[in-house]
Amino acid sequence: MIKSVLEDKIRVYDYFNYFIIDSEHILVKIYEEDKEIFTVKMELRIGKLEVVEVS
């Protein structure tokens, strides 16, 4: 589910790691060549993950 949301928004990245904050929120760290390029906060809304913040 996380991967499909990322692929809809970001075309090129090497890998990601994620941290489940609670039953509705996930933080995703996105990397390219072992360097962090984005942190994305996602929220589960009505059974679908939505991006709510990018830093």
C-alpha atoms as a PDB file:
ATOM      1  CA  MET A   1       0.000   0.000   0.000  1.00  0.00           C
ATOM      2  CA  ILE A   2       2.813   2.470   0.876  1.00  0.00           C
ATOM      3  CA  LYS A   3       4.773   1.585  -2.257  1.00  0.00           C
ATOM      4  CA  SER A   4       1.821   2.187  -4.583  1.00  0.00           C
ATOM      5  CA  VAL A   5       1.171   5.637  -3.055  1.00  0.00           C
ATOM      6  CA  LEU A   6       4.853   6.558  -3.417  1.00  0.00           C
ATOM      7  CA  GLU A   7       4.976   5.373  -7.015  1.00  0.00           C
ATOM      8  CA  ASP A   8       1.966   7.567  -7.827  1.00  0.00           C
ATOM      9  CA  LYS A   9       3.761  10.640  -6.439  1.00  0.00           C
ATOM     10  CA  ILE A  10       7.521  10.026  -6.942  1.00  0.00           C
ATOM     11  CA  ARG A  11       8.961   8.590 -10.105  1.00  0.00           C
ATOM     12  CA  VAL A  12      12.544   7.843  -8.996  1.00  0.00           C
ATOM     13  CA  TYR A  13      13.813   6.651  -5.633  1.00  0.00           C
ATOM     14  CA  ASP A  14      15.978   3.765  -4.476  1.00  0.00           C
ATOM     15  CA  TYR A  15      14.183   2.588  -1.343  1.00  0.00           C
ATOM     16  CA  PHE A  16      12.120   3.671   1.638  1.00  0.00           C
ATOM     17  CA  ASN A  17      11.719   2.884   5.320  1.00  0.00           C
ATOM     18  CA  TYR A  18       8.590   3.530   7.311  1.00  0.00           C
ATOM     19  CA  PHE A  19       7.552   4.058  10.908  1.00  0.00           C
ATOM     20  CA  ILE A  20       3.992   3.429  12.081  1.00  0.00           C
ATOM     21  CA  ILE A  21       3.070   6.230  14.494  1.00  0.00           C
ATOM     22  CA  ASP A  22      -0.426   5.017  15.350  1.00  0.00           C
ATOM     23  CA  SER A  23      -3.403   3.356  13.660  1.00  0.00           C
ATOM     24  CA  GLU A  24      -3.849   6.323  11.280  1.00  0.00           C
ATOM     25  CA  HIS A  25      -0.376   7.849  10.703  1.00  0.00           C
ATOM     26  CA  ILE A  26       2.839   6.642   9.045  1.00  0.00           C
ATOM     27  CA  LEU A  27       6.158   8.416   8.481  1.00  0.00           C
ATOM     28  CA  VAL A  28       8.059   7.329   5.380  1.00  0.00           C
ATOM     29  CA  LYS A  29      11.737   8.149   4.765  1.00  0.00           C
ATOM     30  CA  ILE A  30      12.628   8.043   1.072  1.00  0.00           C
ATOM     31  CA  TYR A  31      16.237   7.487  -0.028  1.00  0.00           C
ATOM     32  CA  GLU A  32      18.303   7.751  -3.162  1.00  0.00           C
ATOM     33  CA  GLU A  33      21.873   6.395  -3.127  1.00  0.00           C
ATOM     34  CA  ASP A  34      21.789   6.041   0.690  1.00  0.00           C
ATOM     35  CA  LYS A  35      20.883   9.706   1.092  1.00  0.00           C
ATOM     36  CA  GLU A  36      17.526  10.745   2.526  1.00  0.00           C
ATOM     37  CA  ILE A  37      15.685  12.927   0.028  1.00  0.00           C
ATOM     38  CA  PHE A  38      12.183  13.206   1.560  1.00  0.00           C
ATOM     39  CA  THR A  39      10.182  12.461   4.646  1.00  0.00           C
ATOM     40  CA  VAL A  40       6.502  11.930   3.944  1.00  0.00           C
ATOM     41  CA  LYS A  41       3.741  11.839   6.531  1.00  0.00           C
ATOM     42  CA  MET A  42       0.782   9.707   5.463  1.00  0.00           C
ATOM     43  CA  GLU A  43      -2.631   9.296   6.996  1.00  0.00           C
ATOM     44  CA  LEU A  44      -5.096   6.460   6.608  1.00  0.00           C
ATOM     45  CA  ARG A  45      -8.446   7.937   5.555  1.00  0.00           C
ATOM     46  CA  ILE A  46     -11.397   5.697   4.771  1.00  0.00           C
ATOM     47  CA  GLY A  47      -9.132   2.744   4.007  1.00  0.00           C
ATOM     48  CA  LYS A  48      -6.794   4.734   1.734  1.00  0.00           C
ATOM     49  CA  LEU A  49      -3.352   6.224   2.469  1.00  0.00           C
ATOM     50  CA  GLU A  50      -3.074   9.932   1.709  1.00  0.00           C
ATOM     51  CA  VAL A  51       0.007  12.151   1.788  1.00  0.00           C
ATOM     52  CA  VAL A  52      -0.528  14.940   4.337  1.00  0.00           C
ATOM     53  CA  GLU A  53       2.964  16.435   4.624  1.00  0.00           C
ATOM     54  CA  VAL A  54       6.332  16.351   2.860  1.00  0.00           C
ATOM     55  CA  SER A  55       9.595  17.639   4.293  1.00  0.00           C
END
